Amino acid sequence: MSKDFTLKKFEEILARYPKRKIKQLLLDQNLIAGLGNIYVDESCFLAGLLPTRIARSLTASEIKKLHQGIIAVLKLSISSGGMVLHLNVYSRGKEKCKRCGTKISKIKLNGRGTHFCPECQK
């Protein structure tokens, strides 16, 4: 969690790659180091965004929520020694969403298992 990961810097990264899917962009270690599959799925859930969304489709408000979600997930993981006890969507395919009760979906996206709530994430 570098102090360089500002909202402005995040907006610049998204603007440079407008056609990429959010998950694809967030997993690119050349752009944002340290985000793995679990952190990306959980960050998208907190932000209420489908990981399949295209970067250019995000509003300023959604970008801010995603930035905040990333920071929140990383802080939680660091403070609790990992995410296992706090998973909302990752590795919970077909289980009920803790927020709305809808079944968590799992798809393959860029060769990676991707988990999301089809109701809570748009």
N, C-alpha and C. Protein backbone atom coordinates (compact mmCIF):
# COMPACT_ATOMS: atom_id res chain seq x y z
N MET A 1 0.85 -1.18 0.00
CA MET A 1 0.00 0.00 0.00
C MET A 1 0.89 1.24 0.00
N SER A 2 1.29 1.61 -1.17
CA SER A 2 2.14 2.76 -1.35
C SER A 2 1.33 4.04 -1.29
N LYS A 3 1.95 5.08 -0.77
CA LYS A 3 1.29 6.40 -0.75
C LYS A 3 1.12 6.94 -2.17
N ASP A 4 1.82 6.32 -3.12
CA ASP A 4 1.71 6.72 -4.52
C ASP A 4 0.39 6.25 -5.15
N PHE A 5 -0.30 5.34 -4.48
CA PHE A 5 -1.56 4.83 -5.01
C PHE A 5 -2.70 5.78 -4.65
N THR A 6 -2.67 6.93 -5.26
CA THR A 6 -3.69 7.95 -5.01
C THR A 6 -4.86 7.75 -5.98
N LEU A 7 -5.96 8.40 -5.68
CA LEU A 7 -7.11 8.34 -6.56
C LEU A 7 -6.73 8.90 -7.93
N LYS A 8 -5.98 9.97 -7.95
CA LYS A 8 -5.57 10.58 -9.22
C LYS A 8 -4.73 9.61 -10.04
N LYS A 9 -3.79 8.95 -9.42
CA LYS A 9 -2.94 7.97 -10.11
C LYS A 9 -3.79 6.81 -10.63
N PHE A 10 -4.74 6.36 -9.83
CA PHE A 10 -5.63 5.27 -10.22
C PHE A 10 -6.47 5.69 -11.43
N GLU A 11 -7.00 6.90 -11.41
CA GLU A 11 -7.77 7.42 -12.54
C GLU A 11 -6.92 7.45 -13.81
N GLU A 12 -5.66 7.83 -13.67
CA GLU A 12 -4.75 7.89 -14.82
C GLU A 12 -4.51 6.49 -15.41
N ILE A 13 -4.36 5.51 -14.54
CA ILE A 13 -4.16 4.13 -15.00
C ILE A 13 -5.38 3.66 -15.77
N LEU A 14 -6.56 3.89 -15.23
CA LEU A 14 -7.79 3.47 -15.90
C LEU A 14 -7.96 4.19 -17.24
N ALA A 15 -7.60 5.46 -17.29
CA ALA A 15 -7.74 6.24 -18.52
C ALA A 15 -6.76 5.76 -19.61
N ARG A 16 -5.60 5.25 -19.21
CA ARG A 16 -4.61 4.75 -20.17
C ARG A 16 -5.06 3.46 -20.85
N TYR A 17 -5.93 2.71 -20.18
CA TYR A 17 -6.37 1.40 -20.69
C TYR A 17 -7.90 1.32 -20.70
N PRO A 18 -8.55 2.18 -21.46
CA PRO A 18 -10.02 2.27 -21.41
C PRO A 18 -10.76 1.04 -21.89
N LYS A 19 -10.11 0.18 -22.69
CA LYS A 19 -10.80 -0.98 -23.24
C LYS A 19 -10.61 -2.25 -22.42
N ARG A 20 -9.79 -2.18 -21.40
CA ARG A 20 -9.54 -3.37 -20.58
C ARG A 20 -10.66 -3.58 -19.57
N LYS A 21 -10.89 -4.85 -19.26
CA LYS A 21 -11.83 -5.19 -18.20
C LYS A 21 -11.17 -4.85 -16.87
N ILE A 22 -11.99 -4.48 -15.89
CA ILE A 22 -11.47 -4.07 -14.59
C ILE A 22 -10.53 -5.12 -14.01
N LYS A 23 -10.96 -6.37 -14.00
CA LYS A 23 -10.15 -7.41 -13.38
C LYS A 23 -8.81 -7.57 -14.10
N GLN A 24 -8.85 -7.56 -15.41
CA GLN A 24 -7.63 -7.68 -16.20
C GLN A 24 -6.66 -6.55 -15.86
N LEU A 25 -7.17 -5.36 -15.76
CA LEU A 25 -6.35 -4.20 -15.46
C LEU A 25 -5.77 -4.27 -14.04
N LEU A 26 -6.61 -4.63 -13.07
CA LEU A 26 -6.15 -4.67 -11.68
C LEU A 26 -5.14 -5.78 -11.42
N LEU A 27 -5.20 -6.85 -12.18
CA LEU A 27 -4.25 -7.95 -12.00
C LEU A 27 -2.90 -7.69 -12.67
N ASP A 28 -2.83 -6.67 -13.50
CA ASP A 28 -1.58 -6.36 -14.21
C ASP A 28 -0.58 -5.76 -13.22
N GLN A 29 0.40 -6.55 -12.84
CA GLN A 29 1.39 -6.15 -11.83
C GLN A 29 2.28 -5.01 -12.30
N ASN A 30 2.33 -4.77 -13.61
CA ASN A 30 3.08 -3.62 -14.13
C ASN A 30 2.36 -2.31 -13.87
N LEU A 31 1.07 -2.39 -13.63
CA LEU A 31 0.27 -1.19 -13.38
C LEU A 31 0.04 -0.96 -11.89
N ILE A 32 -0.40 -2.01 -11.21
CA ILE A 32 -0.68 -1.94 -9.77
C ILE A 32 -0.12 -3.21 -9.15
N ALA A 33 0.99 -3.09 -8.47
CA ALA A 33 1.64 -4.26 -7.89
C ALA A 33 0.93 -4.70 -6.61
N GLY A 34 0.84 -6.01 -6.43
CA GLY A 34 0.36 -6.56 -5.17
C GLY A 34 -1.08 -7.00 -5.13
N LEU A 35 -1.83 -6.74 -6.20
CA LEU A 35 -3.22 -7.18 -6.21
C LEU A 35 -3.32 -8.55 -6.87
N GLY A 36 -3.74 -9.52 -6.10
CA GLY A 36 -3.94 -10.86 -6.62
C GLY A 36 -5.41 -11.12 -6.86
N ASN A 37 -5.70 -12.33 -7.26
CA ASN A 37 -7.06 -12.71 -7.62
C ASN A 37 -8.07 -12.48 -6.49
N ILE A 38 -7.70 -12.88 -5.29
CA ILE A 38 -8.60 -12.70 -4.15
C ILE A 38 -8.89 -11.22 -3.91
N TYR A 39 -7.84 -10.42 -3.85
CA TYR A 39 -8.01 -8.99 -3.56
C TYR A 39 -8.84 -8.28 -4.63
N VAL A 40 -8.66 -8.67 -5.88
CA VAL A 40 -9.41 -8.03 -6.95
C VAL A 40 -10.90 -8.38 -6.86
N ASP A 41 -11.21 -9.66 -6.68
CA ASP A 41 -12.62 -10.05 -6.55
C ASP A 41 -13.28 -9.36 -5.37
N GLU A 42 -12.60 -9.33 -4.24
CA GLU A 42 -13.16 -8.71 -3.04
C GLU A 42 -13.28 -7.19 -3.17
N SER A 43 -12.32 -6.56 -3.82
CA SER A 43 -12.37 -5.11 -4.04
C SER A 43 -13.54 -4.73 -4.95
N CYS A 44 -13.73 -5.51 -6.01
CA CYS A 44 -14.85 -5.26 -6.91
C CYS A 44 -16.18 -5.43 -6.18
N PHE A 45 -16.25 -6.43 -5.30
CA PHE A 45 -17.47 -6.63 -4.52
C PHE A 45 -17.75 -5.41 -3.64
N LEU A 46 -16.74 -4.96 -2.91
CA LEU A 46 -16.94 -3.80 -2.03
C LEU A 46 -17.38 -2.57 -2.80
N ALA A 47 -16.87 -2.43 -4.03
CA ALA A 47 -17.21 -1.28 -4.86
C ALA A 47 -18.55 -1.46 -5.58
N GLY A 48 -19.09 -2.69 -5.55
CA GLY A 48 -20.36 -2.95 -6.23
C GLY A 48 -20.22 -3.02 -7.74
N LEU A 49 -19.03 -3.42 -8.21
CA LEU A 49 -18.75 -3.44 -9.65
C LEU A 49 -18.45 -4.85 -10.14
N LEU A 50 -19.00 -5.18 -11.28
CA LEU A 50 -18.68 -6.45 -11.91
C LEU A 50 -17.24 -6.40 -12.42
N PRO A 51 -16.46 -7.44 -12.19
CA PRO A 51 -15.07 -7.45 -12.65
C PRO A 51 -14.95 -7.49 -14.17
N THR A 52 -16.06 -7.77 -14.85
CA THR A 52 -16.08 -7.82 -16.31
C THR A 52 -16.31 -6.45 -16.95
N ARG A 53 -16.59 -5.46 -16.13
CA ARG A 53 -16.83 -4.10 -16.67
C ARG A 53 -15.58 -3.58 -17.37
N ILE A 54 -15.79 -2.79 -18.39
CA ILE A 54 -14.71 -2.14 -19.14
C ILE A 54 -14.35 -0.85 -18.42
N ALA A 55 -13.06 -0.56 -18.32
CA ALA A 55 -12.58 0.61 -17.57
C ALA A 55 -13.29 1.91 -17.97
N ARG A 56 -13.47 2.12 -19.25
CA ARG A 56 -14.07 3.39 -19.69
C ARG A 56 -15.55 3.52 -19.31
N SER A 57 -16.18 2.41 -18.90
CA SER A 57 -17.59 2.46 -18.52
C SER A 57 -17.80 2.96 -17.09
N LEU A 58 -16.72 3.07 -16.32
CA LEU A 58 -16.85 3.48 -14.92
C LEU A 58 -17.06 4.98 -14.79
N THR A 59 -17.96 5.35 -13.91
CA THR A 59 -18.17 6.76 -13.60
C THR A 59 -17.11 7.21 -12.59
N ALA A 60 -17.01 8.50 -12.39
CA ALA A 60 -16.06 9.02 -11.40
C ALA A 60 -16.36 8.46 -10.02
N SER A 61 -17.63 8.36 -9.69
CA SER A 61 -18.05 7.82 -8.40
C SER A 61 -17.65 6.34 -8.27
N GLU A 62 -17.81 5.58 -9.32
CA GLU A 62 -17.46 4.16 -9.29
C GLU A 62 -15.94 3.98 -9.17
N ILE A 63 -15.19 4.82 -9.85
CA ILE A 63 -13.73 4.75 -9.76
C ILE A 63 -13.30 5.03 -8.32
N LYS A 64 -13.91 6.01 -7.70
CA LYS A 64 -13.58 6.33 -6.31
C LYS A 64 -13.93 5.17 -5.39
N LYS A 65 -15.09 4.55 -5.60
CA LYS A 65 -15.50 3.39 -4.78
C LYS A 65 -14.53 2.23 -4.96
N LEU A 66 -14.08 2.00 -6.18
CA LEU A 66 -13.15 0.90 -6.44
C LEU A 66 -11.80 1.18 -5.78
N HIS A 67 -11.33 2.39 -5.88
CA HIS A 67 -10.07 2.79 -5.23
C HIS A 67 -10.17 2.57 -3.72
N GLN A 68 -11.27 3.02 -3.15
CA GLN A 68 -11.49 2.85 -1.71
C GLN A 68 -11.62 1.36 -1.35
N GLY A 69 -12.27 0.59 -2.21
CA GLY A 69 -12.43 -0.84 -1.98
C GLY A 69 -11.10 -1.57 -1.96
N ILE A 70 -10.22 -1.21 -2.88
CA ILE A 70 -8.89 -1.81 -2.94
C ILE A 70 -8.14 -1.54 -1.64
N ILE A 71 -8.15 -0.30 -1.23
CA ILE A 71 -7.45 0.08 0.00
C ILE A 71 -8.05 -0.63 1.21
N ALA A 72 -9.38 -0.70 1.27
CA ALA A 72 -10.05 -1.35 2.40
C ALA A 72 -9.70 -2.84 2.47
N VAL A 73 -9.70 -3.51 1.33
CA VAL A 73 -9.39 -4.95 1.29
C VAL A 73 -7.95 -5.19 1.72
N LEU A 74 -7.03 -4.38 1.23
CA LEU A 74 -5.63 -4.55 1.60
C LEU A 74 -5.41 -4.29 3.09
N LYS A 75 -6.03 -3.25 3.61
CA LYS A 75 -5.90 -2.94 5.05
C LYS A 75 -6.47 -4.07 5.90
N LEU A 76 -7.62 -4.59 5.51
CA LEU A 76 -8.24 -5.70 6.25
C LEU A 76 -7.35 -6.93 6.22
N SER A 77 -6.80 -7.23 5.06
CA SER A 77 -5.94 -8.39 4.94
C SER A 77 -4.69 -8.26 5.80
N ILE A 78 -4.10 -7.08 5.79
CA ILE A 78 -2.90 -6.85 6.59
C ILE A 78 -3.22 -6.93 8.09
N SER A 79 -4.29 -6.29 8.50
CA SER A 79 -4.62 -6.24 9.93
C SER A 79 -5.07 -7.58 10.49
N SER A 80 -5.66 -8.43 9.63
CA SER A 80 -6.18 -9.71 10.12
C SER A 80 -5.31 -10.90 9.75
N GLY A 81 -4.20 -10.64 9.08
CA GLY A 81 -3.30 -11.72 8.70
C GLY A 81 -3.81 -12.57 7.54
N GLY A 82 -4.67 -12.00 6.74
CA GLY A 82 -5.20 -12.71 5.57
C GLY A 82 -6.68 -12.48 5.40
N MET A 83 -7.22 -12.93 4.28
CA MET A 83 -8.62 -12.65 3.95
C MET A 83 -9.56 -13.81 4.23
N VAL A 84 -9.06 -14.97 4.57
CA VAL A 84 -9.88 -16.18 4.63
C VAL A 84 -11.16 -16.00 5.45
N LEU A 85 -11.08 -15.38 6.57
CA LEU A 85 -12.26 -15.21 7.43
C LEU A 85 -13.20 -14.11 6.95
N HIS A 86 -12.75 -13.32 5.98
CA HIS A 86 -13.51 -12.14 5.58
C HIS A 86 -13.97 -12.16 4.13
N LEU A 87 -13.92 -13.32 3.49
CA LEU A 87 -14.28 -13.40 2.08
C LEU A 87 -15.77 -13.21 1.87
N ASN A 88 -16.09 -12.31 0.94
CA ASN A 88 -17.48 -12.07 0.56
C ASN A 88 -17.88 -12.86 -0.67
N VAL A 89 -16.96 -12.94 -1.66
CA VAL A 89 -17.27 -13.62 -2.90
C VAL A 89 -16.23 -14.65 -3.31
N TYR A 90 -14.96 -14.37 -3.09
CA TYR A 90 -13.91 -15.24 -3.58
C TYR A 90 -14.06 -16.66 -3.00
N SER A 91 -14.00 -17.65 -3.88
CA SER A 91 -14.08 -19.06 -3.51
C SER A 91 -15.43 -19.42 -2.86
N ARG A 92 -16.44 -18.62 -3.14
CA ARG A 92 -17.77 -18.87 -2.56
C ARG A 92 -18.80 -19.13 -3.65
N GLY A 93 -18.33 -19.59 -4.83
CA GLY A 93 -19.26 -19.87 -5.92
C GLY A 93 -20.41 -20.75 -5.49
N LYS A 94 -21.60 -20.36 -5.86
CA LYS A 94 -22.86 -21.05 -5.58
C LYS A 94 -23.34 -20.90 -4.13
N GLU A 95 -22.53 -20.29 -3.29
CA GLU A 95 -23.00 -19.99 -1.92
C GLU A 95 -23.80 -18.70 -1.98
N LYS A 96 -24.56 -18.43 -0.91
CA LYS A 96 -25.37 -17.22 -0.87
C LYS A 96 -24.52 -16.00 -0.53
N CYS A 97 -24.81 -14.90 -1.20
CA CYS A 97 -24.16 -13.63 -0.92
C CYS A 97 -24.50 -13.22 0.51
N LYS A 98 -23.48 -12.79 1.25
CA LYS A 98 -23.70 -12.37 2.64
C LYS A 98 -24.53 -11.10 2.72
N ARG A 99 -24.58 -10.33 1.65
CA ARG A 99 -25.32 -9.07 1.65
C ARG A 99 -26.76 -9.24 1.21
N CYS A 100 -27.00 -9.98 0.11
CA CYS A 100 -28.35 -10.02 -0.45
C CYS A 100 -28.97 -11.42 -0.55
N GLY A 101 -28.15 -12.47 -0.38
CA GLY A 101 -28.67 -13.83 -0.43
C GLY A 101 -28.67 -14.47 -1.81
N THR A 102 -28.32 -13.71 -2.85
CA THR A 102 -28.22 -14.26 -4.21
C THR A 102 -27.02 -15.20 -4.29
N LYS A 103 -27.11 -16.23 -5.11
CA LYS A 103 -25.98 -17.15 -5.27
C LYS A 103 -24.81 -16.44 -5.94
N ILE A 104 -23.62 -16.63 -5.38
CA ILE A 104 -22.39 -16.08 -5.94
C ILE A 104 -22.08 -16.82 -7.25
N SER A 105 -21.73 -16.06 -8.27
CA SER A 105 -21.38 -16.65 -9.56
C SER A 105 -19.87 -16.80 -9.69
N LYS A 106 -19.47 -17.81 -10.43
CA LYS A 106 -18.06 -18.01 -10.73
C LYS A 106 -17.93 -18.21 -12.23
N ILE A 107 -17.04 -17.42 -12.84
CA ILE A 107 -16.75 -17.53 -14.26
C ILE A 107 -15.23 -17.55 -14.45
N LYS A 108 -14.80 -17.87 -15.65
CA LYS A 108 -13.38 -17.74 -16.03
C LYS A 108 -13.24 -16.41 -16.75
N LEU A 109 -12.28 -15.62 -16.33
CA LEU A 109 -12.00 -14.34 -16.97
C LEU A 109 -10.49 -14.24 -17.13
N ASN A 110 -10.03 -14.20 -18.36
CA ASN A 110 -8.60 -14.18 -18.65
C ASN A 110 -7.89 -15.37 -17.98
N GLY A 111 -8.55 -16.52 -17.98
CA GLY A 111 -7.96 -17.72 -17.43
C GLY A 111 -7.98 -17.81 -15.91
N ARG A 112 -8.62 -16.87 -15.26
CA ARG A 112 -8.66 -16.85 -13.80
C ARG A 112 -10.09 -17.07 -13.32
N GLY A 113 -10.24 -17.81 -12.23
CA GLY A 113 -11.55 -17.94 -11.61
C GLY A 113 -11.96 -16.57 -11.08
N THR A 114 -13.18 -16.18 -11.37
CA THR A 114 -13.66 -14.86 -11.00
C THR A 114 -15.01 -15.01 -10.31
N HIS A 115 -15.10 -14.45 -9.11
CA HIS A 115 -16.30 -14.61 -8.28
C HIS A 115 -16.98 -13.26 -8.09
N PHE A 116 -18.32 -13.25 -8.16
CA PHE A 116 -19.06 -12.01 -7.98
C PHE A 116 -20.51 -12.29 -7.64
N CYS A 117 -21.17 -11.29 -7.09
CA CYS A 117 -22.60 -11.38 -6.84
C CYS A 117 -23.32 -10.68 -7.97
N PRO A 118 -24.12 -11.40 -8.75
CA PRO A 118 -24.81 -10.78 -9.88
C PRO A 118 -25.85 -9.74 -9.47
N GLU A 119 -26.23 -9.74 -8.22
CA GLU A 119 -27.22 -8.76 -7.75
C GLU A 119 -26.53 -7.51 -7.18
N CYS A 120 -25.52 -7.70 -6.37
CA CYS A 120 -24.86 -6.56 -5.70
C CYS A 120 -23.86 -5.82 -6.58
N GLN A 121 -23.38 -6.49 -7.62
CA GLN A 121 -22.37 -5.90 -8.48
C GLN A 121 -22.94 -5.62 -9.87
N LYS A 122 -22.78 -4.41 -10.32
CA LYS A 122 -23.32 -3.99 -11.65
C LYS A 122 -22.22 -3.43 -12.52
